[in-house]
């Protein structure tokens, strides 16, 4: 009976070790998958950041260009130089001379 009981304990230890080994493998796999997912998300955010920086550069250049165009236009705009610029309805001929052709 004693030998049979020792054999059962050995079987239980083997099953427990195997169960523990499988659980450890599952845990390592889960950690690896989580790390992979975080890395993919990082790469995606880096690409989006680069794209947004490029867009900011383009918009900044466009804003500088439009500011220069506006500054040049303000020098010659009859509406801005009109002595009666407080009038709410501008003269049609003055307005059309300011519009782009």
N, C-alpha and C. Protein backbone atom coordinates (compact mmCIF):
# COMPACT_ATOMS: atom_id res chain seq x y z
N UNK A 1 0.82 -1.19 0.00
CA UNK A 1 0.00 0.00 0.00
C UNK A 1 0.87 1.25 0.00
N UNK A 2 2.02 1.17 0.75
CA UNK A 2 2.90 2.32 0.84
C UNK A 2 3.53 2.63 -0.51
N UNK A 3 3.93 1.62 -1.25
CA UNK A 3 4.54 1.80 -2.57
C UNK A 3 3.52 2.40 -3.52
N UNK A 4 2.29 1.95 -3.46
CA UNK A 4 1.23 2.46 -4.33
C UNK A 4 0.96 3.93 -4.03
N UNK A 5 0.99 4.31 -2.74
CA UNK A 5 0.76 5.71 -2.35
C UNK A 5 1.90 6.59 -2.84
N UNK A 6 3.13 6.15 -2.77
CA UNK A 6 4.28 6.90 -3.27
C UNK A 6 4.18 7.12 -4.77
N UNK A 7 3.69 6.11 -5.48
CA UNK A 7 3.53 6.21 -6.93
C UNK A 7 2.46 7.26 -7.28
N UNK A 8 1.37 7.30 -6.50
CA UNK A 8 0.32 8.30 -6.72
C UNK A 8 0.86 9.71 -6.50
N UNK A 9 1.69 9.90 -5.45
CA UNK A 9 2.29 11.21 -5.18
C UNK A 9 3.20 11.63 -6.33
N UNK A 10 3.97 10.68 -6.83
CA UNK A 10 4.84 10.98 -7.97
C UNK A 10 4.01 11.41 -9.19
N UNK A 11 2.92 10.69 -9.44
CA UNK A 11 2.05 11.05 -10.56
C UNK A 11 1.46 12.45 -10.37
N UNK A 12 1.05 12.74 -9.12
CA UNK A 12 0.49 14.06 -8.83
C UNK A 12 1.54 15.16 -9.06
N UNK A 13 2.78 14.92 -8.64
CA UNK A 13 3.85 15.91 -8.84
C UNK A 13 4.11 16.12 -10.34
N UNK A 14 4.13 15.04 -11.08
CA UNK A 14 4.36 15.13 -12.53
C UNK A 14 3.24 15.93 -13.19
N UNK A 15 1.98 15.62 -12.82
CA UNK A 15 0.84 16.35 -13.39
C UNK A 15 0.90 17.83 -13.01
N UNK A 16 1.27 18.11 -11.74
CA UNK A 16 1.35 19.50 -11.27
C UNK A 16 2.45 20.26 -12.02
N UNK A 17 3.60 19.60 -12.20
CA UNK A 17 4.70 20.24 -12.95
C UNK A 17 4.30 20.51 -14.39
N UNK A 18 3.64 19.53 -15.00
CA UNK A 18 3.20 19.70 -16.39
C UNK A 18 2.18 20.83 -16.50
N UNK A 19 1.25 20.87 -15.58
CA UNK A 19 0.24 21.93 -15.56
C UNK A 19 0.92 23.29 -15.38
N UNK A 20 1.88 23.36 -14.47
CA UNK A 20 2.63 24.60 -14.22
C UNK A 20 3.41 25.01 -15.47
N UNK A 21 4.04 24.02 -16.12
CA UNK A 21 4.83 24.31 -17.33
C UNK A 21 3.93 24.89 -18.43
N UNK A 22 2.77 24.30 -18.61
CA UNK A 22 1.82 24.77 -19.63
C UNK A 22 1.34 26.18 -19.28
N UNK A 23 1.05 26.43 -18.01
CA UNK A 23 0.60 27.76 -17.58
C UNK A 23 1.70 28.80 -17.79
N UNK A 24 2.95 28.42 -17.51
CA UNK A 24 4.07 29.34 -17.72
C UNK A 24 4.24 29.66 -19.21
N UNK A 25 4.10 28.64 -20.06
CA UNK A 25 4.18 28.87 -21.51
C UNK A 25 3.09 29.82 -21.98
N UNK A 26 1.87 29.59 -21.48
CA UNK A 26 0.75 30.46 -21.84
C UNK A 26 1.02 31.90 -21.41
N UNK A 27 1.54 32.05 -20.20
CA UNK A 27 1.84 33.39 -19.67
C UNK A 27 2.91 34.09 -20.50
N UNK A 28 3.97 33.35 -20.85
CA UNK A 28 5.03 33.95 -21.68
C UNK A 28 4.50 34.33 -23.07
N UNK A 29 3.66 33.48 -23.64
CA UNK A 29 3.07 33.76 -24.95
C UNK A 29 2.21 35.02 -24.88
N UNK A 30 1.41 35.13 -23.81
CA UNK A 30 0.55 36.29 -23.63
C UNK A 30 1.39 37.57 -23.49
N UNK A 31 2.47 37.50 -22.73
CA UNK A 31 3.35 38.67 -22.58
C UNK A 31 3.98 39.06 -23.91
N UNK A 32 4.41 38.07 -24.67
CA UNK A 32 5.01 38.33 -25.98
C UNK A 32 4.00 38.98 -26.92
N UNK A 33 2.76 38.47 -26.91
CA UNK A 33 1.73 39.05 -27.77
C UNK A 33 1.43 40.49 -27.37
N UNK A 34 1.40 40.74 -26.06
CA UNK A 34 1.15 42.10 -25.58
C UNK A 34 2.27 43.04 -26.00
N UNK A 35 3.52 42.58 -25.88
CA UNK A 35 4.67 43.39 -26.29
C UNK A 35 4.64 43.66 -27.80
N UNK A 36 4.28 42.64 -28.58
CA UNK A 36 4.17 42.82 -30.04
C UNK A 36 3.11 43.84 -30.39
N UNK A 37 1.97 43.75 -29.71
CA UNK A 37 0.88 44.69 -29.97
C UNK A 37 1.30 46.12 -29.62
N UNK A 38 1.98 46.28 -28.49
CA UNK A 38 2.46 47.61 -28.10
C UNK A 38 3.47 48.15 -29.11
N UNK A 39 4.33 47.28 -29.61
CA UNK A 39 5.32 47.71 -30.60
C UNK A 39 4.64 48.15 -31.90
N UNK A 40 3.63 47.39 -32.33
CA UNK A 40 2.89 47.77 -33.54
C UNK A 40 2.20 49.13 -33.35
N UNK A 41 1.60 49.30 -32.17
CA UNK A 41 0.92 50.56 -31.88
C UNK A 41 1.93 51.72 -31.87
N UNK A 42 3.11 51.48 -31.30
CA UNK A 42 4.17 52.49 -31.28
C UNK A 42 4.57 52.87 -32.70
N UNK A 43 4.79 51.87 -33.55
CA UNK A 43 5.17 52.14 -34.94
C UNK A 43 4.10 52.95 -35.66
N UNK A 44 2.85 52.58 -35.45
CA UNK A 44 1.75 53.29 -36.09
C UNK A 44 1.70 54.75 -35.62
N UNK A 45 1.86 54.97 -34.32
CA UNK A 45 1.84 56.34 -33.79
C UNK A 45 3.03 57.15 -34.29
N UNK A 46 4.18 56.51 -34.44
CA UNK A 46 5.35 57.21 -34.99
C UNK A 46 5.09 57.66 -36.42
N UNK A 47 4.48 56.78 -37.22
CA UNK A 47 4.16 57.14 -38.61
C UNK A 47 3.15 58.28 -38.65
N UNK A 48 2.14 58.22 -37.79
CA UNK A 48 1.13 59.27 -37.74
C UNK A 48 1.77 60.60 -37.31
N UNK A 49 2.67 60.53 -36.34
CA UNK A 49 3.37 61.73 -35.86
C UNK A 49 4.20 62.36 -36.98
N UNK A 50 4.92 61.54 -37.72
CA UNK A 50 5.72 62.03 -38.84
C UNK A 50 4.82 62.69 -39.89
N UNK A 51 3.71 62.05 -40.18
CA UNK A 51 2.76 62.60 -41.16
C UNK A 51 2.19 63.93 -40.68
N UNK A 52 1.83 64.01 -39.41
CA UNK A 52 1.28 65.26 -38.87
C UNK A 52 2.33 66.38 -38.87
N UNK A 53 3.58 66.05 -38.58
CA UNK A 53 4.64 67.06 -38.62
C UNK A 53 4.83 67.59 -40.04
N UNK A 54 4.74 66.68 -41.01
CA UNK A 54 4.86 67.09 -42.42
C UNK A 54 3.70 68.02 -42.78
N UNK A 55 2.50 67.67 -42.32
CA UNK A 55 1.32 68.50 -42.60
C UNK A 55 1.45 69.87 -41.94
N UNK A 56 1.97 69.91 -40.72
CA UNK A 56 2.19 71.19 -40.02
C UNK A 56 3.15 72.05 -40.83
N UNK A 57 4.20 71.45 -41.34
CA UNK A 57 5.16 72.19 -42.17
C UNK A 57 4.51 72.78 -43.41
N UNK A 58 3.70 71.98 -44.09
CA UNK A 58 3.01 72.47 -45.30
C UNK A 58 2.06 73.61 -44.95
N UNK A 59 1.29 73.43 -43.87
CA UNK A 59 0.33 74.47 -43.48
C UNK A 59 1.04 75.74 -43.03
N UNK A 60 2.17 75.60 -42.37
CA UNK A 60 2.96 76.77 -41.96
C UNK A 60 3.46 77.53 -43.18
N UNK A 61 3.97 76.79 -44.17
CA UNK A 61 4.42 77.42 -45.41
C UNK A 61 3.26 78.13 -46.11
N UNK A 62 2.10 77.48 -46.17
CA UNK A 62 0.93 78.08 -46.81
C UNK A 62 0.50 79.35 -46.06
N UNK A 63 0.54 79.31 -44.74
CA UNK A 63 0.16 80.48 -43.94
C UNK A 63 1.13 81.65 -44.20
N UNK A 64 2.43 81.35 -44.27
CA UNK A 64 3.41 82.40 -44.57
C UNK A 64 3.14 83.01 -45.93
N UNK A 65 2.88 82.13 -46.92
CA UNK A 65 2.61 82.62 -48.28
C UNK A 65 1.36 83.51 -48.29
N UNK A 66 0.28 83.03 -47.65
CA UNK A 66 -0.96 83.80 -47.65
C UNK A 66 -0.82 85.11 -46.87
N UNK A 67 -0.02 85.10 -45.83
CA UNK A 67 0.23 86.34 -45.08
C UNK A 67 0.96 87.35 -45.95
N UNK A 68 1.91 86.89 -46.74
CA UNK A 68 2.64 87.77 -47.66
C UNK A 68 1.70 88.32 -48.73
N UNK A 69 0.85 87.45 -49.27
CA UNK A 69 -0.12 87.88 -50.29
C UNK A 69 -1.04 88.94 -49.70
N UNK A 70 -1.52 88.71 -48.49
CA UNK A 70 -2.40 89.67 -47.83
C UNK A 70 -1.67 90.99 -47.58
N UNK A 71 -0.44 90.91 -47.10
CA UNK A 71 0.32 92.12 -46.84
C UNK A 71 0.53 92.93 -48.13
N UNK A 72 0.86 92.24 -49.21
CA UNK A 72 1.03 92.92 -50.50
C UNK A 72 -0.29 93.53 -50.96
N UNK A 73 -1.38 92.82 -50.76
CA UNK A 73 -2.69 93.31 -51.19
C UNK A 73 -3.13 94.52 -50.36
N UNK A 74 -2.85 94.49 -49.07
CA UNK A 74 -3.26 95.60 -48.21
C UNK A 74 -2.65 96.92 -48.67
N UNK A 75 -1.47 96.87 -49.27
CA UNK A 75 -0.79 98.09 -49.74
C UNK A 75 -1.57 98.77 -50.87
N UNK A 76 -2.28 97.96 -51.66
CA UNK A 76 -2.96 98.52 -52.84
C UNK A 76 -4.48 98.47 -52.75
N UNK A 77 -5.03 97.94 -51.70
CA UNK A 77 -6.47 97.74 -51.60
C UNK A 77 -7.18 99.09 -51.40
N UNK A 78 -8.08 99.46 -52.34
CA UNK A 78 -8.79 100.73 -52.20
C UNK A 78 -9.76 100.73 -51.01
N UNK A 79 -10.26 99.59 -50.62
CA UNK A 79 -11.17 99.54 -49.48
C UNK A 79 -10.47 99.93 -48.19
N UNK A 80 -9.21 99.56 -48.06
CA UNK A 80 -8.46 99.89 -46.84
C UNK A 80 -8.03 101.35 -46.83
N UNK A 81 -7.91 101.95 -48.01
CA UNK A 81 -7.45 103.34 -48.10
C UNK A 81 -8.61 104.33 -48.24
N UNK A 82 -9.81 103.82 -48.26
CA UNK A 82 -10.98 104.67 -48.41
C UNK A 82 -11.14 105.54 -47.16
N UNK A 83 -11.37 106.83 -47.36
CA UNK A 83 -11.54 107.73 -46.20
C UNK A 83 -12.85 107.48 -45.48
N UNK A 84 -13.78 106.79 -46.15
CA UNK A 84 -15.06 106.51 -45.52
C UNK A 84 -15.19 105.01 -45.30
N UNK A 85 -14.19 104.39 -44.73
CA UNK A 85 -14.21 102.94 -44.56
C UNK A 85 -15.20 102.47 -43.49
N UNK A 86 -15.85 103.41 -42.82
CA UNK A 86 -16.87 103.03 -41.84
C UNK A 86 -18.20 102.74 -42.51
N UNK A 87 -18.35 103.03 -43.80
CA UNK A 87 -19.59 102.76 -44.52
C UNK A 87 -19.74 101.25 -44.64
N UNK A 88 -20.94 100.75 -44.34
CA UNK A 88 -21.14 99.30 -44.30
C UNK A 88 -21.22 98.68 -45.68
N UNK A 89 -21.69 99.41 -46.68
CA UNK A 89 -21.81 98.85 -48.02
C UNK A 89 -20.75 99.50 -48.90
N UNK A 90 -19.71 98.76 -49.30
CA UNK A 90 -18.67 99.36 -50.14
C UNK A 90 -19.17 99.60 -51.56
N UNK A 91 -18.51 100.49 -52.24
CA UNK A 91 -18.85 100.75 -53.64
C UNK A 91 -18.53 99.49 -54.45
N UNK A 92 -19.41 99.09 -55.36
CA UNK A 92 -19.16 97.86 -56.14
C UNK A 92 -17.86 97.93 -56.94
N UNK A 93 -17.54 99.11 -57.50
CA UNK A 93 -16.30 99.19 -58.31
C UNK A 93 -15.08 99.03 -57.44
N UNK A 94 -15.10 99.52 -56.21
CA UNK A 94 -13.95 99.38 -55.31
C UNK A 94 -13.79 97.92 -54.88
N UNK A 95 -14.91 97.28 -54.65
CA UNK A 95 -14.87 95.90 -54.20
C UNK A 95 -14.33 94.98 -55.31
N UNK A 96 -14.79 95.19 -56.53
CA UNK A 96 -14.36 94.33 -57.63
C UNK A 96 -12.89 94.52 -57.95
N UNK A 97 -12.34 95.71 -57.67
CA UNK A 97 -10.93 95.91 -57.95
C UNK A 97 -10.05 95.17 -56.96
N UNK A 98 -10.60 94.78 -55.82
CA UNK A 98 -9.84 94.03 -54.82
C UNK A 98 -9.91 92.53 -55.04
N UNK A 99 -10.92 92.09 -55.76
CA UNK A 99 -11.11 90.65 -55.95
C UNK A 99 -10.08 90.12 -56.94
N UNK A 100 -9.64 88.87 -56.72
CA UNK A 100 -8.69 88.26 -57.67
C UNK A 100 -9.33 88.05 -59.03
N UNK A 101 -8.54 88.13 -60.02
CA UNK A 101 -9.05 87.95 -61.38
C UNK A 101 -8.72 86.57 -61.87
